[in-house]
Amino acid sequence: MSARALLLALPLGFALALASVSAQAGLGRPLLDAAQDGKPVAQVQRFSAQAVSGATSAAAASAVTQQTVLTPQGVTVTEYANAQGTVFALTWKGPFKPDLQQLLGSYFAPYLKAANAQTQQLNLSMVKTGDIVVNVAGRMRGFVGVAWVPTLVPAGFDPSKLQP
């Protein structure tokens, strides 16, 4: 490759690298993007929603995929995807608050609006709207949380049973 061709290719490579860094996983996004959040720490698990919620009807069972990653900040994030591969819920636990804007994705604005409209406790925040449910608790070096999108939760899955 000539020096000129190399110089022309560098900006394209740099732009592609930036694009891959800015891709964010989170609620409403494909589970495949979860690797952007950090290093996988457990194998991807697949199970039926029926097994999680205790539903007895076979018709209520839906495929659920779970993937856990460790962020560079040391936060363990577990993302749950429906049969279409869309992340509908996530949990986190770690020594620092995770980047909620990244994790909640397009649901961050509704979360922020609802959180600002209600009185929050010092170490606990519970937000529930038609768009999103987010429960956050923590103190120095110990933060946990659960979030889900009610409209994306598969039939038979009870997100209120999720534990960080």
Protein backbone atom coordinates (compact mmCIF):
# COMPACT_ATOMS: atom_id res chain seq x y z
CA MET A 1 0.00 0.00 0.00
CA SER A 2 1.37 3.40 -0.92
CA ALA A 3 1.95 6.12 1.66
CA ARG A 4 -0.81 8.22 0.08
CA ALA A 5 -3.33 5.36 0.23
CA LEU A 6 -2.36 4.76 3.85
CA LEU A 7 -2.90 8.44 4.70
CA LEU A 8 -6.31 8.36 3.04
CA ALA A 9 -7.28 5.16 4.91
CA LEU A 10 -6.29 6.44 8.37
CA PRO A 11 -9.18 8.92 8.78
CA LEU A 12 -11.67 6.24 7.75
CA GLY A 13 -10.21 3.77 10.25
CA PHE A 14 -10.25 6.42 12.98
CA ALA A 15 -13.90 7.27 12.22
CA LEU A 16 -14.87 3.60 12.36
CA ALA A 17 -13.05 3.19 15.67
CA LEU A 18 -14.91 6.17 17.13
CA ALA A 19 -18.22 4.82 15.87
CA SER A 20 -17.61 1.49 17.58
CA VAL A 21 -16.70 3.20 20.86
CA SER A 22 -19.85 5.34 20.82
CA ALA A 23 -22.15 2.37 20.24
CA GLN A 24 -23.97 1.84 23.50
CA ALA A 25 -25.87 -1.13 24.81
CA GLY A 26 -28.69 -0.81 27.27
CA LEU A 27 -32.43 -0.95 27.54
CA GLY A 28 -34.20 -1.24 24.21
CA ARG A 29 -30.97 -2.09 22.36
CA PRO A 30 -29.75 -5.45 21.01
CA LEU A 31 -28.08 -7.72 23.55
CA LEU A 32 -25.19 -8.10 21.13
CA ASP A 33 -24.24 -4.51 22.02
CA ALA A 34 -23.76 -5.50 25.69
CA ALA A 35 -20.13 -6.29 25.01
CA GLN A 36 -19.66 -2.53 24.52
CA ASP A 37 -20.36 -2.07 28.24
CA GLY A 38 -17.48 -4.17 29.45
CA LYS A 39 -15.81 -7.55 29.58
CA PRO A 40 -18.12 -10.60 29.67
CA VAL A 41 -17.74 -12.36 33.04
CA ALA A 42 -20.19 -15.22 32.59
CA GLN A 43 -21.38 -17.30 29.70
CA VAL A 44 -24.58 -16.21 28.02
CA GLN A 45 -27.48 -18.05 29.61
CA ARG A 46 -30.78 -18.82 27.94
CA PHE A 47 -33.90 -19.83 29.84
CA SER A 48 -37.64 -19.51 29.66
CA ALA A 49 -39.54 -16.69 31.32
CA GLN A 50 -41.79 -19.34 32.81
CA ALA A 51 -38.90 -20.74 34.86
CA VAL A 52 -38.11 -17.34 36.33
CA SER A 53 -41.61 -16.24 37.23
CA GLY A 54 -43.05 -19.59 38.21
CA ALA A 55 -45.85 -19.37 35.61
CA THR A 56 -47.48 -22.71 34.91
CA SER A 57 -48.82 -22.20 31.41
CA ALA A 58 -46.51 -23.40 28.66
CA ALA A 59 -47.95 -20.67 26.45
CA ALA A 60 -46.60 -18.07 28.87
CA ALA A 61 -43.02 -19.29 28.47
CA SER A 62 -40.81 -16.98 26.43
CA ALA A 63 -37.14 -17.20 25.62
CA VAL A 64 -34.95 -14.96 27.78
CA THR A 65 -31.22 -14.48 27.33
CA GLN A 66 -29.00 -13.19 30.13
CA GLN A 67 -25.50 -11.79 29.75
CA THR A 68 -23.24 -10.41 32.47
CA VAL A 69 -20.38 -7.99 31.87
CA LEU A 70 -17.87 -6.24 34.12
CA THR A 71 -17.40 -2.56 33.29
CA PRO A 72 -13.96 -0.93 33.39
CA GLN A 73 -15.10 0.76 36.65
CA GLY A 74 -15.72 -2.63 38.31
CA VAL A 75 -19.52 -2.64 38.08
CA THR A 76 -21.17 -5.98 37.27
CA VAL A 77 -24.05 -5.43 34.83
CA THR A 78 -26.46 -8.22 33.88
CA GLU A 79 -28.67 -7.58 30.86
CA TYR A 80 -31.79 -9.59 30.03
CA ALA A 81 -33.04 -9.85 26.45
CA ASN A 82 -36.35 -11.08 25.07
CA ALA A 83 -36.74 -13.58 22.20
CA GLN A 84 -36.08 -10.80 19.67
CA GLY A 85 -32.71 -10.08 21.33
CA THR A 86 -33.79 -6.70 22.74
CA VAL A 87 -32.62 -5.82 26.25
CA PHE A 88 -35.72 -5.36 28.40
CA ALA A 89 -34.16 -5.38 31.88
CA LEU A 90 -30.82 -5.00 33.59
CA THR A 91 -29.29 -5.14 37.03
CA TRP A 92 -26.03 -3.76 38.36
CA LYS A 93 -23.87 -4.01 41.45
CA GLY A 94 -20.52 -2.46 42.16
CA PRO A 95 -18.32 0.03 43.99
CA PHE A 96 -19.37 2.94 41.75
CA LYS A 97 -22.56 4.21 40.16
CA PRO A 98 -22.74 2.97 36.58
CA ASP A 99 -23.27 5.31 33.65
CA LEU A 100 -27.08 5.31 33.75
CA GLN A 101 -27.27 7.32 30.54
CA GLN A 102 -25.49 4.48 28.75
CA LEU A 103 -27.39 1.68 30.49
CA LEU A 104 -30.83 3.21 30.14
CA GLY A 105 -30.21 4.42 26.59
CA SER A 106 -33.25 6.18 25.11
CA TYR A 107 -35.11 5.60 28.39
CA PHE A 108 -32.71 7.84 30.31
CA ALA A 109 -34.67 11.04 29.55
CA PRO A 110 -38.02 9.66 30.83
CA TYR A 111 -36.21 8.29 33.89
CA LEU A 112 -34.54 11.62 34.62
CA LYS A 113 -37.79 13.53 34.16
CA ALA A 114 -39.65 11.22 36.56
CA ALA A 115 -36.78 11.17 39.08
CA ASN A 116 -36.62 14.97 39.16
CA ALA A 117 -40.40 15.23 39.60
CA GLN A 118 -40.46 13.22 42.81
CA THR A 119 -38.82 13.43 46.20
CA GLN A 120 -35.79 11.16 46.41
CA GLN A 121 -34.24 9.70 49.53
CA LEU A 122 -30.54 10.08 50.15
CA ASN A 123 -29.57 6.46 49.42
CA LEU A 124 -32.64 5.19 47.54
CA SER A 125 -34.42 6.15 44.33
CA MET A 126 -37.50 4.41 43.00
CA VAL A 127 -38.95 5.57 39.68
CA LYS A 128 -41.95 3.92 38.06
CA THR A 129 -43.62 5.23 34.93
CA GLY A 130 -45.38 3.58 32.00
CA ASP A 131 -42.09 3.78 30.11
CA ILE A 132 -39.54 2.60 32.65
CA VAL A 133 -39.02 1.25 36.17
CA VAL A 134 -35.72 2.00 37.92
CA ASN A 135 -34.78 1.14 41.51
CA VAL A 136 -31.39 2.40 42.68
CA ALA A 137 -29.79 2.11 46.11
CA GLY A 138 -26.33 2.71 47.38
CA ARG A 139 -23.77 4.29 49.55
CA MET A 140 -20.06 4.85 49.14
CA ARG A 141 -18.43 1.81 47.44
CA GLY A 142 -21.72 -0.11 47.25
CA PHE A 143 -24.26 0.66 44.54
CA VAL A 144 -27.02 -1.63 43.26
CA GLY A 145 -29.88 -1.19 40.87
CA VAL A 146 -32.54 -2.77 38.72
CA ALA A 147 -34.24 -1.29 35.65
CA TRP A 148 -36.74 -2.59 33.12
CA VAL A 149 -39.07 -1.46 30.35
CA PRO A 150 -42.59 -2.81 31.06
CA THR A 151 -43.60 -2.88 27.39
CA LEU A 152 -40.59 -5.04 26.43
CA VAL A 153 -40.86 -7.63 29.22
CA PRO A 154 -41.82 -11.04 27.77
CA ALA A 155 -44.97 -12.79 28.92
CA GLY A 156 -44.37 -14.89 32.01
CA PHE A 157 -41.32 -12.95 33.22
CA ASP A 158 -41.60 -11.06 36.53
CA PRO A 159 -38.92 -8.34 36.57
CA SER A 160 -39.77 -7.39 40.15
CA LYS A 161 -37.98 -10.60 41.20
CA LEU A 162 -34.65 -9.51 39.65
CA GLN A 163 -31.82 -9.09 42.14
CA PRO A 164 -28.63 -7.10 41.48
